[in-house]
Amino acid sequence: MSYIHFFLVGSGGFFGAIVRYIIAKHYNVTKQYPLGTLVVNLFGALLIGFIFGLDLSRNWTYLLATGVAGALTTFSTMMKEILELWRTGKKVTAVNYLAINISVGLLLSWLGYEVGHSVS
């Protein structure tokens, strides 16, 4: 990995993290359901599938997939939110949240890949 790759990942990550922050700040307004995190995770799954479907160069993949989509999505925050829901007695919500993230995320990744592959 060269210095340009580090720069591309970092640059993409900067923008992905800012978008995640804005969406989470806007949609995670209550402790009831972490909608903002769900939105960024699902959009990121669609985006990363689309990027890989396009079969872009390594530099574009580092910038967009590893950088933007990697910083946009958040596995660790999702796990923290699941634990908080579980601890506060919202066990059904916690399980639903996890199931939606995984099942819809996989579906959107596949859909994004298929769309990207058909475009390229």
PDB file of N, CA and C in Angstrom:
ATOM      1  N   MET A   1       0.856  -1.173   0.000  1.00  0.00           N
ATOM      2  CA  MET A   1       0.000   0.000   0.000  1.00  0.00           C
ATOM      3  C   MET A   1       0.902   1.236   0.000  1.00  0.00           C
ATOM      4  N   SER A   2       0.642   2.157  -0.905  1.00  0.00           N
ATOM      5  CA  SER A   2       1.468   3.352  -1.023  1.00  0.00           C
ATOM      6  C   SER A   2       0.853   4.519  -0.237  1.00  0.00           C
ATOM      7  N   TYR A   3       1.616   5.607  -0.180  1.00  0.00           N
ATOM      8  CA  TYR A   3       1.132   6.789   0.527  1.00  0.00           C
ATOM      9  C   TYR A   3      -0.122   7.362  -0.131  1.00  0.00           C
ATOM     10  N   ILE A   4      -0.214   7.251  -1.445  1.00  0.00           N
ATOM     11  CA  ILE A   4      -1.405   7.748  -2.134  1.00  0.00           C
ATOM     12  C   ILE A   4      -2.640   6.959  -1.695  1.00  0.00           C
ATOM     13  N   HIS A   5      -2.469   5.667  -1.449  1.00  0.00           N
ATOM     14  CA  HIS A   5      -3.593   4.847  -0.985  1.00  0.00           C
ATOM     15  C   HIS A   5      -4.036   5.290   0.407  1.00  0.00           C
ATOM     16  N   PHE A   6      -3.090   5.572   1.272  1.00  0.00           N
ATOM     17  CA  PHE A   6      -3.429   6.084   2.609  1.00  0.00           C
ATOM     18  C   PHE A   6      -4.175   7.412   2.496  1.00  0.00           C
ATOM     19  N   PHE A   7      -3.711   8.275   1.599  1.00  0.00           N
ATOM     20  CA  PHE A   7      -4.363   9.563   1.388  1.00  0.00           C
ATOM     21  C   PHE A   7      -5.786   9.373   0.872  1.00  0.00           C
ATOM     22  N   LEU A   8      -5.972   8.462  -0.070  1.00  0.00           N
ATOM     23  CA  LEU A   8      -7.297   8.224  -0.636  1.00  0.00           C
ATOM     24  C   LEU A   8      -8.262   7.673   0.415  1.00  0.00           C
ATOM     25  N   VAL A   9      -7.812   6.705   1.186  1.00  0.00           N
ATOM     26  CA  VAL A   9      -8.661   6.142   2.246  1.00  0.00           C
ATOM     27  C   VAL A   9      -9.006   7.225   3.271  1.00  0.00           C
ATOM     28  N   GLY A  10      -8.015   7.989   3.681  1.00  0.00           N
ATOM     29  CA  GLY A  10      -8.244   9.048   4.666  1.00  0.00           C
ATOM     30  C   GLY A  10      -9.169  10.141   4.150  1.00  0.00           C
ATOM     31  N   SER A  11      -8.989  10.529   2.905  1.00  0.00           N
ATOM     32  CA  SER A  11      -9.843  11.561   2.316  1.00  0.00           C
ATOM     33  C   SER A  11     -11.283  11.079   2.207  1.00  0.00           C
ATOM     34  N   GLY A  12     -11.455   9.877   1.703  1.00  0.00           N
ATOM     35  CA  GLY A  12     -12.800   9.314   1.615  1.00  0.00           C
ATOM     36  C   GLY A  12     -13.417   9.145   2.979  1.00  0.00           C
ATOM     37  N   GLY A  13     -12.614   8.681   3.925  1.00  0.00           N
ATOM     38  CA  GLY A  13     -13.094   8.499   5.293  1.00  0.00           C
ATOM     39  C   GLY A  13     -13.534   9.800   5.933  1.00  0.00           C
ATOM     40  N   PHE A  14     -12.843  10.877   5.641  1.00  0.00           N
ATOM     41  CA  PHE A  14     -13.218  12.192   6.160  1.00  0.00           C
ATOM     42  C   PHE A  14     -14.643  12.536   5.743  1.00  0.00           C
ATOM     43  N   PHE A  15     -14.946  12.382   4.468  1.00  0.00           N
ATOM     44  CA  PHE A  15     -16.285  12.713   3.980  1.00  0.00           C
ATOM     45  C   PHE A  15     -17.347  11.734   4.474  1.00  0.00           C
ATOM     46  N   GLY A  16     -17.009  10.454   4.500  1.00  0.00           N
ATOM     47  CA  GLY A  16     -17.960   9.457   4.997  1.00  0.00           C
ATOM     48  C   GLY A  16     -18.317   9.690   6.449  1.00  0.00           C
ATOM     49  N   ALA A  17     -17.322  10.038   7.264  1.00  0.00           N
ATOM     50  CA  ALA A  17     -17.560  10.283   8.691  1.00  0.00           C
ATOM     51  C   ALA A  17     -18.419  11.525   8.905  1.00  0.00           C
ATOM     52  N   ILE A  18     -18.208  12.551   8.101  1.00  0.00           N
ATOM     53  CA  ILE A  18     -19.016  13.763   8.229  1.00  0.00           C
ATOM     54  C   ILE A  18     -20.471  13.476   7.875  1.00  0.00           C
ATOM     55  N   VAL A  19     -20.686  12.749   6.792  1.00  0.00           N
ATOM     56  CA  VAL A  19     -22.057  12.399   6.388  1.00  0.00           C
ATOM     57  C   VAL A  19     -22.718  11.562   7.484  1.00  0.00           C
ATOM     58  N   ARG A  20     -21.976  10.590   8.031  1.00  0.00           N
ATOM     59  CA  ARG A  20     -22.533   9.764   9.112  1.00  0.00           C
ATOM     60  C   ARG A  20     -22.912  10.625  10.312  1.00  0.00           C
ATOM     61  N   TYR A  21     -22.055  11.540  10.684  1.00  0.00           N
ATOM     62  CA  TYR A  21     -22.332  12.411  11.822  1.00  0.00           C
ATOM     63  C   TYR A  21     -23.606  13.228  11.599  1.00  0.00           C
ATOM     64  N   ILE A  22     -23.737  13.810  10.408  1.00  0.00           N
ATOM     65  CA  ILE A  22     -24.912  14.645  10.108  1.00  0.00           C
ATOM     66  C   ILE A  22     -26.188  13.807  10.152  1.00  0.00           C
ATOM     67  N   ILE A  23     -26.169  12.643   9.538  1.00  0.00           N
ATOM     68  CA  ILE A  23     -27.371  11.797   9.512  1.00  0.00           C
ATOM     69  C   ILE A  23     -27.709  11.299  10.915  1.00  0.00           C
ATOM     70  N   ALA A  24     -26.711  10.841  11.652  1.00  0.00           N
ATOM     71  CA  ALA A  24     -26.963  10.345  13.010  1.00  0.00           C
ATOM     72  C   ALA A  24     -27.470  11.468  13.910  1.00  0.00           C
ATOM     73  N   LYS A  25     -26.904  12.643  13.782  1.00  0.00           N
ATOM     74  CA  LYS A  25     -27.333  13.786  14.600  1.00  0.00           C
ATOM     75  C   LYS A  25     -28.794  14.133  14.309  1.00  0.00           C
ATOM     76  N   HIS A  26     -29.190  13.988  13.059  1.00  0.00           N
ATOM     77  CA  HIS A  26     -30.549  14.347  12.653  1.00  0.00           C
ATOM     78  C   HIS A  26     -31.568  13.260  13.017  1.00  0.00           C
ATOM     79  N   TYR A  27     -31.212  11.983  12.850  1.00  0.00           N
ATOM     80  CA  TYR A  27     -32.182  10.895  13.006  1.00  0.00           C
ATOM     81  C   TYR A  27     -32.087  10.123  14.322  1.00  0.00           C
ATOM     82  N   ASN A  28     -30.973  10.177  15.015  1.00  0.00           N
ATOM     83  CA  ASN A  28     -30.860   9.499  16.310  1.00  0.00           C
ATOM     84  C   ASN A  28     -31.229  10.477  17.421  1.00  0.00           C
ATOM     85  N   VAL A  29     -32.467  10.946  17.384  1.00  0.00           N
ATOM     86  CA  VAL A  29     -32.883  11.979  18.332  1.00  0.00           C
ATOM     87  C   VAL A  29     -33.445  11.410  19.629  1.00  0.00           C
ATOM     88  N   THR A  30     -33.860  10.178  19.628  1.00  0.00           N
ATOM     89  CA  THR A  30     -34.357   9.558  20.854  1.00  0.00           C
ATOM     90  C   THR A  30     -33.601   8.267  21.105  1.00  0.00           C
ATOM     91  N   LYS A  31     -33.745   7.741  22.283  1.00  0.00           N
ATOM     92  CA  LYS A  31     -33.111   6.462  22.621  1.00  0.00           C
ATOM     93  C   LYS A  31     -34.008   5.291  22.222  1.00  0.00           C
ATOM     94  N   GLN A  32     -35.115   5.581  21.543  1.00  0.00           N
ATOM     95  CA  GLN A  32     -36.078   4.530  21.200  1.00  0.00           C
ATOM     96  C   GLN A  32     -35.564   3.620  20.085  1.00  0.00           C
ATOM     97  N   TYR A  33     -35.097   4.211  19.006  1.00  0.00           N
ATOM     98  CA  TYR A  33     -34.661   3.423  17.856  1.00  0.00           C
ATOM     99  C   TYR A  33     -33.574   4.197  17.115  1.00  0.00           C
ATOM    100  N   PRO A  34     -32.420   3.590  16.908  1.00  0.00           N
ATOM    101  CA  PRO A  34     -31.299   4.283  16.271  1.00  0.00           C
ATOM    102  C   PRO A  34     -31.447   4.347  14.744  1.00  0.00           C
ATOM    103  N   LEU A  35     -32.413   5.123  14.285  1.00  0.00           N
ATOM    104  CA  LEU A  35     -32.727   5.206  12.866  1.00  0.00           C
ATOM    105  C   LEU A  35     -31.557   5.751  12.046  1.00  0.00           C
ATOM    106  N   GLY A  36     -30.836   6.716  12.572  1.00  0.00           N
ATOM    107  CA  GLY A  36     -29.711   7.297  11.836  1.00  0.00           C
ATOM    108  C   GLY A  36     -28.638   6.270  11.517  1.00  0.00           C
ATOM    109  N   THR A  37     -28.296   5.446  12.487  1.00  0.00           N
ATOM    110  CA  THR A  37     -27.293   4.410  12.266  1.00  0.00           C
ATOM    111  C   THR A  37     -27.799   3.382  11.263  1.00  0.00           C
ATOM    112  N   LEU A  38     -29.071   3.040  11.362  1.00  0.00           N
ATOM    113  CA  LEU A  38     -29.659   2.105  10.404  1.00  0.00           C
ATOM    114  C   LEU A  38     -29.586   2.670   8.986  1.00  0.00           C
ATOM    115  N   VAL A  39     -29.916   3.936   8.827  1.00  0.00           N
ATOM    116  CA  VAL A  39     -29.891   4.572   7.506  1.00  0.00           C
ATOM    117  C   VAL A  39     -28.481   4.550   6.923  1.00  0.00           C
ATOM    118  N   VAL A  40     -27.472   4.954   7.701  1.00  0.00           N
ATOM    119  CA  VAL A  40     -26.109   4.986   7.148  1.00  0.00           C
ATOM    120  C   VAL A  40     -25.592   3.583   6.858  1.00  0.00           C
ATOM    121  N   ASN A  41     -25.935   2.611   7.705  1.00  0.00           N
ATOM    122  CA  ASN A  41     -25.482   1.250   7.443  1.00  0.00           C
ATOM    123  C   ASN A  41     -26.116   0.677   6.178  1.00  0.00           C
ATOM    124  N   LEU A  42     -27.400   0.914   5.991  1.00  0.00           N
ATOM    125  CA  LEU A  42     -28.077   0.377   4.808  1.00  0.00           C
ATOM    126  C   LEU A  42     -27.649   1.105   3.542  1.00  0.00           C
ATOM    127  N   PHE A  43     -27.528   2.422   3.609  1.00  0.00           N
ATOM    128  CA  PHE A  43     -27.048   3.154   2.435  1.00  0.00           C
ATOM    129  C   PHE A  43     -25.612   2.753   2.112  1.00  0.00           C
ATOM    130  N   GLY A  44     -24.789   2.588   3.139  1.00  0.00           N
ATOM    131  CA  GLY A  44     -23.402   2.169   2.923  1.00  0.00           C
ATOM    132  C   GLY A  44     -23.310   0.787   2.300  1.00  0.00           C
ATOM    133  N   ALA A  45     -24.205  -0.114   2.692  1.00  0.00           N
ATOM    134  CA  ALA A  45     -24.230  -1.450   2.097  1.00  0.00           C
ATOM    135  C   ALA A  45     -24.567  -1.368   0.607  1.00  0.00           C
ATOM    136  N   LEU A  46     -25.544  -0.548   0.269  1.00  0.00           N
ATOM    137  CA  LEU A  46     -25.914  -0.335  -1.130  1.00  0.00           C
ATOM    138  C   LEU A  46     -24.742   0.278  -1.896  1.00  0.00           C
ATOM    139  N   LEU A  47     -24.119   1.289  -1.307  1.00  0.00           N
ATOM    140  CA  LEU A  47     -23.006   1.990  -1.940  1.00  0.00           C
ATOM    141  C   LEU A  47     -21.824   1.066  -2.188  1.00  0.00           C
ATOM    142  N   ILE A  48     -21.459   0.275  -1.192  1.00  0.00           N
ATOM    143  CA  ILE A  48     -20.290  -0.583  -1.363  1.00  0.00           C
ATOM    144  C   ILE A  48     -20.554  -1.687  -2.394  1.00  0.00           C
ATOM    145  N   GLY A  49     -21.782  -2.200  -2.424  1.00  0.00           N
ATOM    146  CA  GLY A  49     -22.124  -3.158  -3.464  1.00  0.00           C
ATOM    147  C   GLY A  49     -22.025  -2.537  -4.841  1.00  0.00           C
ATOM    148  N   PHE A  50     -22.531  -1.312  -4.975  1.00  0.00           N
ATOM    149  CA  PHE A  50     -22.490  -0.596  -6.245  1.00  0.00           C
ATOM    150  C   PHE A  50     -21.044  -0.363  -6.688  1.00  0.00           C
ATOM    151  N   ILE A  51     -20.203   0.079  -5.763  1.00  0.00           N
ATOM    152  CA  ILE A  51     -18.797   0.359  -6.077  1.00  0.00           C
ATOM    153  C   ILE A  51     -18.095  -0.908  -6.563  1.00  0.00           C
ATOM    154  N   PHE A  52     -18.288  -2.007  -5.854  1.00  0.00           N
ATOM    155  CA  PHE A  52     -17.635  -3.251  -6.277  1.00  0.00           C
ATOM    156  C   PHE A  52     -18.230  -3.790  -7.573  1.00  0.00           C
ATOM    157  N   GLY A  53     -19.506  -3.533  -7.796  1.00  0.00           N
ATOM    158  CA  GLY A  53     -20.120  -3.928  -9.053  1.00  0.00           C
ATOM    159  C   GLY A  53     -19.545  -3.177 -10.240  1.00  0.00           C
ATOM    160  N   LEU A  54     -19.138  -1.940 -10.033  1.00  0.00           N
ATOM    161  CA  LEU A  54     -18.542  -1.140 -11.107  1.00  0.00           C
ATOM    162  C   LEU A  54     -17.157  -1.629 -11.492  1.00  0.00           C
ATOM    163  N   ASP A  55     -16.515  -2.373 -10.604  1.00  0.00           N
ATOM    164  CA  ASP A  55     -15.154  -2.878 -10.848  1.00  0.00           C
ATOM    165  C   ASP A  55     -14.204  -1.733 -11.186  1.00  0.00           C
ATOM    166  N   LEU A  56     -14.148  -0.767 -10.290  1.00  0.00           N
ATOM    167  CA  LEU A  56     -13.311   0.412 -10.471  1.00  0.00           C
ATOM    168  C   LEU A  56     -11.843   0.086 -10.243  1.00  0.00           C
ATOM    169  N   SER A  57     -10.991   1.040 -10.562  1.00  0.00           N
ATOM    170  CA  SER A  57      -9.557   0.872 -10.303  1.00  0.00           C
ATOM    171  C   SER A  57      -9.316   0.786  -8.800  1.00  0.00           C
ATOM    172  N   ARG A  58      -8.147   0.342  -8.439  1.00  0.00           N
ATOM    173  CA  ARG A  58      -7.781   0.212  -7.028  1.00  0.00           C
ATOM    174  C   ARG A  58      -7.877   1.558  -6.306  1.00  0.00           C
ATOM    175  N   ASN A  59      -7.413   2.624  -6.937  1.00  0.00           N
ATOM    176  CA  ASN A  59      -7.456   3.949  -6.291  1.00  0.00           C
ATOM    177  C   ASN A  59      -8.883   4.388  -6.008  1.00  0.00           C
ATOM    178  N   TRP A  60      -9.774   4.246  -6.980  1.00  0.00           N
ATOM    179  CA  TRP A  60     -11.171   4.617  -6.766  1.00  0.00           C
ATOM    180  C   TRP A  60     -11.824   3.735  -5.705  1.00  0.00           C
ATOM    181  N   THR A  61     -11.464   2.469  -5.683  1.00  0.00           N
ATOM    182  CA  THR A  61     -12.012   1.554  -4.678  1.00  0.00           C
ATOM    183  C   THR A  61     -11.548   1.944  -3.280  1.00  0.00           C
ATOM    184  N   TYR A  62     -10.269   2.299  -3.146  1.00  0.00           N
ATOM    185  CA  TYR A  62      -9.778   2.765  -1.840  1.00  0.00           C
ATOM    186  C   TYR A  62     -10.510   4.028  -1.400  1.00  0.00           C
ATOM    187  N   LEU A  63     -10.675   4.962  -2.312  1.00  0.00           N
ATOM    188  CA  LEU A  63     -11.339   6.220  -1.972  1.00  0.00           C
ATOM    189  C   LEU A  63     -12.806   6.012  -1.599  1.00  0.00           C
ATOM    190  N   LEU A  64     -13.550   5.324  -2.461  1.00  0.00           N
ATOM    191  CA  LEU A  64     -14.998   5.232  -2.294  1.00  0.00           C
ATOM    192  C   LEU A  64     -15.454   4.096  -1.377  1.00  0.00           C
ATOM    193  N   ALA A  65     -14.892   2.916  -1.556  1.00  0.00           N
ATOM    194  CA  ALA A  65     -15.349   1.764  -0.754  1.00  0.00           C
ATOM    195  C   ALA A  65     -14.716   1.767   0.635  1.00  0.00           C
ATOM    196  N   THR A  66     -13.387   1.747   0.664  1.00  0.00           N
ATOM    197  CA  THR A  66     -12.708   1.695   1.958  1.00  0.00           C
ATOM    198  C   THR A  66     -12.862   3.015   2.709  1.00  0.00           C
ATOM    199  N   GLY A  67     -12.706   4.126   2.005  1.00  0.00           N
ATOM    200  CA  GLY A  67     -12.778   5.432   2.648  1.00  0.00           C
ATOM    201  C   GLY A  67     -14.191   5.883   2.958  1.00  0.00           C
ATOM    202  N   VAL A  68     -14.938   6.262   1.922  1.00  0.00           N
ATOM    203  CA  VAL A  68     -16.273   6.836   2.136  1.00  0.00           C
ATOM    204  C   VAL A  68     -17.225   5.828   2.789  1.00  0.00           C
ATOM    205  N   ALA A  69     -17.421   4.681   2.129  1.00  0.00           N
ATOM    206  CA  ALA A  69     -18.388   3.702   2.651  1.00  0.00           C
ATOM    207  C   ALA A  69     -17.930   3.117   3.984  1.00  0.00           C
ATOM    208  N   GLY A  70     -16.614   2.927   4.137  1.00  0.00           N
ATOM    209  CA  GLY A  70     -16.101   2.388   5.395  1.00  0.00           C
ATOM    210  C   GLY A  70     -16.336   3.316   6.572  1.00  0.00           C
ATOM    211  N   ALA A  71     -16.168   4.607   6.359  1.00  0.00           N
ATOM    212  CA  ALA A  71     -16.393   5.567   7.442  1.00  0.00           C
ATOM    213  C   ALA A  71     -17.877   5.894   7.620  1.00  0.00           C
ATOM    214  N   LEU A  72     -18.626   5.763   6.547  1.00  0.00           N
ATOM    215  CA  LEU A  72     -20.064   6.028   6.625  1.00  0.00           C
ATOM    216  C   LEU A  72     -20.768   4.976   7.480  1.00  0.00           C
ATOM    217  N   THR A  73     -20.435   3.725   7.265  1.00  0.00           N
ATOM    218  CA  THR A  73     -21.080   2.643   8.003  1.00  0.00           C
ATOM    219  C   THR A  73     -20.397   2.449   9.349  1.00  0.00           C
ATOM    220  N   THR A  74     -21.113   1.823  10.279  1.00  0.00           N
ATOM    221  CA  THR A  74     -20.548   1.686  11.614  1.00  0.00           C
ATOM    222  C   THR A  74     -21.053   0.434  12.322  1.00  0.00           C
ATOM    223  N   PHE A  75     -20.223  -0.571  12.324  1.00  0.00           N
ATOM    224  CA  PHE A  75     -20.542  -1.818  13.003  1.00  0.00           C
ATOM    225  C   PHE A  75     -20.472  -1.635  14.525  1.00  0.00           C
ATOM    226  N   SER A  76     -19.464  -0.923  14.996  1.00  0.00           N
ATOM    227  CA  SER A  76     -19.283  -0.774  16.442  1.00  0.00           C
ATOM    228  C   SER A  76     -20.409   0.027  17.082  1.00  0.00           C
ATOM    229  N   THR A  77     -20.850   1.097  16.441  1.00  0.00           N
ATOM    230  CA  THR A  77     -21.967   1.873  16.988  1.00  0.00           C
ATOM    231  C   THR A  77     -23.237   1.037  16.984  1.00  0.00           C
ATOM    232  N   MET A  78     -23.442   0.255  15.927  1.00  0.00           N
ATOM    233  CA  MET A  78     -24.609  -0.619  15.866  1.00  0.00           C
ATOM    234  C   MET A  78     -24.600  -1.599  17.053  1.00  0.00           C
ATOM    235  N   MET A  79     -23.451  -2.176  17.354  1.00  0.00           N
ATOM    236  CA  MET A  79     -23.356  -3.113  18.472  1.00  0.00           C
ATOM    237  C   MET A  79     -23.643  -2.414  19.801  1.00  0.00           C
ATOM    238  N   LYS A  80     -23.122  -1.199  19.966  1.00  0.00           N
ATOM    239  CA  LYS A  80     -23.383  -0.434  21.189  1.00  0.00           C
ATOM    240  C   LYS A  80     -24.875  -0.167  21.341  1.00  0.00           C
ATOM    241  N   GLU A  81     -25.520   0.195  20.246  1.00  0.00           N
ATOM    242  CA  GLU A  81     -26.951   0.495  20.297  1.00  0.00           C
ATOM    243  C   GLU A  81     -27.772  -0.760  20.581  1.00  0.00           C
ATOM    244  N   ILE A  82     -27.367  -1.883  20.023  1.00  0.00           N
ATOM    245  CA  ILE A  82     -28.064  -3.146  20.311  1.00  0.00           C
ATOM    246  C   ILE A  82     -27.942  -3.475  21.795  1.00  0.00           C
ATOM    247  N   LEU A  83     -26.750  -3.324  22.350  1.00  0.00           N
ATOM    248  CA  LEU A  83     -26.554  -3.584  23.779  1.00  0.00           C
ATOM    249  C   LEU A  83     -27.385  -2.635  24.640  1.00  0.00           C
ATOM    250  N   GLU A  84     -27.446  -1.365  24.250  1.00  0.00           N
ATOM    251  CA  GLU A  84     -28.257  -0.402  25.017  1.00  0.00           C
ATOM    252  C   GLU A  84     -29.744  -0.761  24.958  1.00  0.00           C
ATOM    253  N   LEU A  85     -30.224  -1.108  23.780  1.00  0.00           N
ATOM    254  CA  LEU A  85     -31.623  -1.518  23.658  1.00  0.00           C
ATOM    255  C   LEU A  85     -31.899  -2.741  24.531  1.00  0.00           C
ATOM    256  N   TRP A  86     -30.992  -3.711  24.475  1.00  0.00           N
ATOM    257  CA  TRP A  86     -31.149  -4.951  25.246  1.00  0.00           C
ATOM    258  C   TRP A  86     -31.154  -4.653  26.750  1.00  0.00           C
ATOM    259  N   ARG A  87     -30.182  -3.857  27.191  1.00  0.00           N
ATOM    260  CA  ARG A  87     -30.067  -3.524  28.619  1.00  0.00           C
ATOM    261  C   ARG A  87     -31.265  -2.769  29.154  1.00  0.00           C
ATOM    262  N   THR A  88     -31.906  -1.978  28.311  1.00  0.00           N
ATOM    263  CA  THR A  88     -33.041  -1.178  28.768  1.00  0.00           C
ATOM    264  C   THR A  88     -34.372  -1.903  28.566  1.00  0.00           C
ATOM    265  N   GLY A  89     -34.310  -3.202  28.314  1.00  0.00           N
ATOM    266  CA  GLY A  89     -35.520  -4.001  28.228  1.00  0.00           C
ATOM    267  C   GLY A  89     -36.192  -4.021  26.867  1.00  0.00           C
ATOM    268  N   LYS A  90     -35.573  -3.442  25.876  1.00  0.00           N
ATOM    269  CA  LYS A  90     -36.146  -3.427  24.519  1.00  0.00           C
ATOM    270  C   LYS A  90     -35.532  -4.553  23.694  1.00  0.00           C
ATOM    271  N   LYS A  91     -35.690  -5.775  24.185  1.00  0.00           N
ATOM    272  CA  LYS A  91     -35.046  -6.935  23.566  1.00  0.00           C
ATOM    273  C   LYS A  91     -35.576  -7.221  22.157  1.00  0.00           C
ATOM    274  N   VAL A  92     -36.873  -7.103  21.965  1.00  0.00           N
ATOM    275  CA  VAL A  92     -37.460  -7.340  20.635  1.00  0.00           C
ATOM    276  C   VAL A  92     -36.946  -6.295  19.650  1.00  0.00           C
ATOM    277  N   THR A  93     -36.877  -5.052  20.080  1.00  0.00           N
ATOM    278  CA  THR A  93     -36.356  -3.985  19.223  1.00  0.00           C
ATOM    279  C   THR A  93     -34.897  -4.241  18.879  1.00  0.00           C
ATOM    280  N   ALA A  94     -34.114  -4.691  19.853  1.00  0.00           N
ATOM    281  CA  ALA A  94     -32.699  -4.987  19.619  1.00  0.00           C
ATOM    282  C   ALA A  94     -32.531  -6.084  18.567  1.00  0.00           C
ATOM    283  N   VAL A  95     -33.298  -7.145  18.693  1.00  0.00           N
ATOM    284  CA  VAL A  95     -33.212  -8.253  17.739  1.00  0.00           C
ATOM    285  C   VAL A  95     -33.680  -7.810  16.353  1.00  0.00           C
ATOM    286  N   ASN A  96     -34.782  -7.046  16.301  1.00  0.00           N
ATOM    287  CA  ASN A  96     -35.266  -6.525  15.019  1.00  0.00           C
ATOM    288  C   ASN A  96     -34.230  -5.624  14.351  1.00  0.00           C
ATOM    289  N   TYR A  97     -33.623  -4.761  15.131  1.00  0.00           N
ATOM    290  CA  TYR A  97     -32.614  -3.836  14.624  1.00  0.00           C
ATOM    291  C   TYR A  97     -31.439  -4.601  14.022  1.00  0.00           C
ATOM    292  N   LEU A  98     -30.976  -5.615  14.733  1.00  0.00           N
ATOM    293  CA  LEU A  98     -29.881  -6.435  14.224  1.00  0.00           C
ATOM    294  C   LEU A  98     -30.294  -7.176  12.948  1.00  0.00           C
ATOM    295  N   ALA A  99     -31.476  -7.772  12.968  1.00  0.00           N
ATOM    296  CA  ALA A  99     -31.954  -8.532  11.811  1.00  0.00           C
ATOM    297  C   ALA A  99     -32.121  -7.635  10.581  1.00  0.00           C
ATOM    298  N   ILE A 100     -32.630  -6.434  10.780  1.00  0.00           N
ATOM    299  CA  ILE A 100     -32.805  -5.511   9.653  1.00  0.00           C
ATOM    300  C   ILE A 100     -31.448  -5.092   9.095  1.00  0.00           C
ATOM    301  N   ASN A 101     -30.512  -4.748   9.974  1.00  0.00           N
ATOM    302  CA  ASN A 101     -29.179  -4.359   9.521  1.00  0.00           C
ATOM    303  C   ASN A 101     -28.542  -5.449   8.671  1.00  0.00           C
ATOM    304  N   ILE A 102     -28.635  -6.683   9.132  1.00  0.00           N
ATOM    305  CA  ILE A 102     -27.959  -7.771   8.415  1.00  0.00           C
ATOM    306  C   ILE A 102     -28.721  -8.179   7.160  1.00  0.00           C
ATOM    307  N   SER A 103     -30.002  -8.476   7.285  1.00  0.00           N
ATOM    308  CA  SER A 103     -30.738  -8.994   6.134  1.00  0.00           C
ATOM    309  C   SER A 103     -30.937  -7.937   5.051  1.00  0.00           C
ATOM    310  N   VAL A 104     -31.379  -6.761   5.416  1.00  0.00           N
ATOM    311  CA  VAL A 104     -31.584  -5.711   4.412  1.00  0.00           C
ATOM    312  C   VAL A 104     -30.232  -5.222   3.889  1.00  0.00           C
ATOM    313  N   GLY A 105     -29.228  -5.172   4.763  1.00  0.00           N
ATOM    314  CA  GLY A 105     -27.889  -4.788   4.321  1.00  0.00           C
ATOM    315  C   GLY A 105     -27.338  -5.737   3.265  1.00  0.00           C
ATOM    316  N   LEU A 106     -27.505  -7.030   3.484  1.00  0.00           N
ATOM    317  CA  LEU A 106     -27.069  -8.006   2.477  1.00  0.00           C
ATOM    318  C   LEU A 106     -27.836  -7.845   1.171  1.00  0.00           C
ATOM    319  N   LEU A 107     -29.129  -7.668   1.278  1.00  0.00           N
ATOM    320  CA  LEU A 107     -29.959  -7.484   0.084  1.00  0.00           C
ATOM    321  C   LEU A 107     -29.535  -6.227  -0.682  1.00  0.00           C
ATOM    322  N   LEU A 108     -29.316  -5.125   0.018  1.00  0.00           N
ATOM    323  CA  LEU A 108     -28.907  -3.896  -0.642  1.00  0.00           C
ATOM    324  C   LEU A 108     -27.503  -3.995  -1.236  1.00  0.00           C
ATOM    325  N   SER A 109     -26.604  -4.705  -0.570  1.00  0.00           N
ATOM    326  CA  SER A 109     -25.267  -4.926  -1.134  1.00  0.00           C
ATOM    327  C   SER A 109     -25.358  -5.677  -2.455  1.00  0.00           C
ATOM    328  N   TRP A 110     -26.163  -6.722  -2.453  1.00  0.00           N
ATOM    329  CA  TRP A 110     -26.353  -7.508  -3.675  1.00  0.00           C
ATOM    330  C   TRP A 110     -26.991  -6.649  -4.765  1.00  0.00           C
ATOM    331  N   LEU A 111     -28.030  -5.893  -4.406  1.00  0.00           N
ATOM    332  CA  LEU A 111     -28.703  -5.032  -5.373  1.00  0.00           C
ATOM    333  C   LEU A 111     -27.735  -3.987  -5.938  1.00  0.00           C
ATOM    334  N   GLY A 112     -26.972  -3.355  -5.065  1.00  0.00           N
ATOM    335  CA  GLY A 112     -25.983  -2.370  -5.504  1.00  0.00           C
ATOM    336  C   GLY A 112     -24.965  -2.983  -6.443  1.00  0.00           C
ATOM    337  N   TYR A 113     -24.512  -4.194  -6.116  1.00  0.00           N
ATOM    338  CA  TYR A 113     -23.550  -4.879  -6.975  1.00  0.00           C
ATOM    339  C   TYR A 113     -24.143  -5.139  -8.355  1.00  0.00           C
ATOM    340  N   GLU A 114     -25.363  -5.635  -8.375  1.00  0.00           N
ATOM    341  CA  GLU A 114     -26.024  -5.943  -9.650  1.00  0.00           C
ATOM    342  C   GLU A 114     -26.216  -4.688 -10.491  1.00  0.00           C
ATOM    343  N   VAL A 115     -26.635  -3.595  -9.873  1.00  0.00           N
ATOM    344  CA  VAL A 115     -26.803  -2.325 -10.606  1.00  0.00           C
ATOM    345  C   VAL A 115     -25.466  -1.819 -11.113  1.00  0.00           C
ATOM    346  N   GLY A 116     -24.466  -1.829 -10.236  1.00  0.00           N
ATOM    347  CA  GLY A 116     -23.130  -1.383 -10.644  1.00  0.00           C
ATOM    348  C   GLY A 116     -22.551  -2.228 -11.762  1.00  0.00           C
ATOM    349  N   HIS A 117     -22.749  -3.529 -11.650  1.00  0.00           N
ATOM    350  CA  HIS A 117     -22.218  -4.458 -12.668  1.00  0.00           C
ATOM    351  C   HIS A 117     -22.927  -4.242 -14.003  1.00  0.00           C
ATOM    352  N   SER A 118     -24.211  -3.941 -13.984  1.00  0.00           N
ATOM    353  CA  SER A 118     -24.947  -3.736 -15.236  1.00  0.00           C
ATOM    354  C   SER A 118     -24.589  -2.401 -15.882  1.00  0.00           C
ATOM    355  N   VAL A 119     -24.137  -1.434 -15.076  1.00  0.00           N
ATOM    356  CA  VAL A 119     -23.757  -0.124 -15.597  1.00  0.00           C
ATOM    357  C   VAL A 119     -22.370  -0.173 -16.226  1.00  0.00           C
ATOM    358  N   SER A 120     -21.477  -0.969 -15.644  1.00  0.00           N
ATOM    359  CA  SER A 120     -20.078  -0.964 -16.111  1.00  0.00           C
ATOM    360  C   SER A 120     -19.863  -1.767 -17.360  1.00  0.00           C
TER     361      SER A 120
END
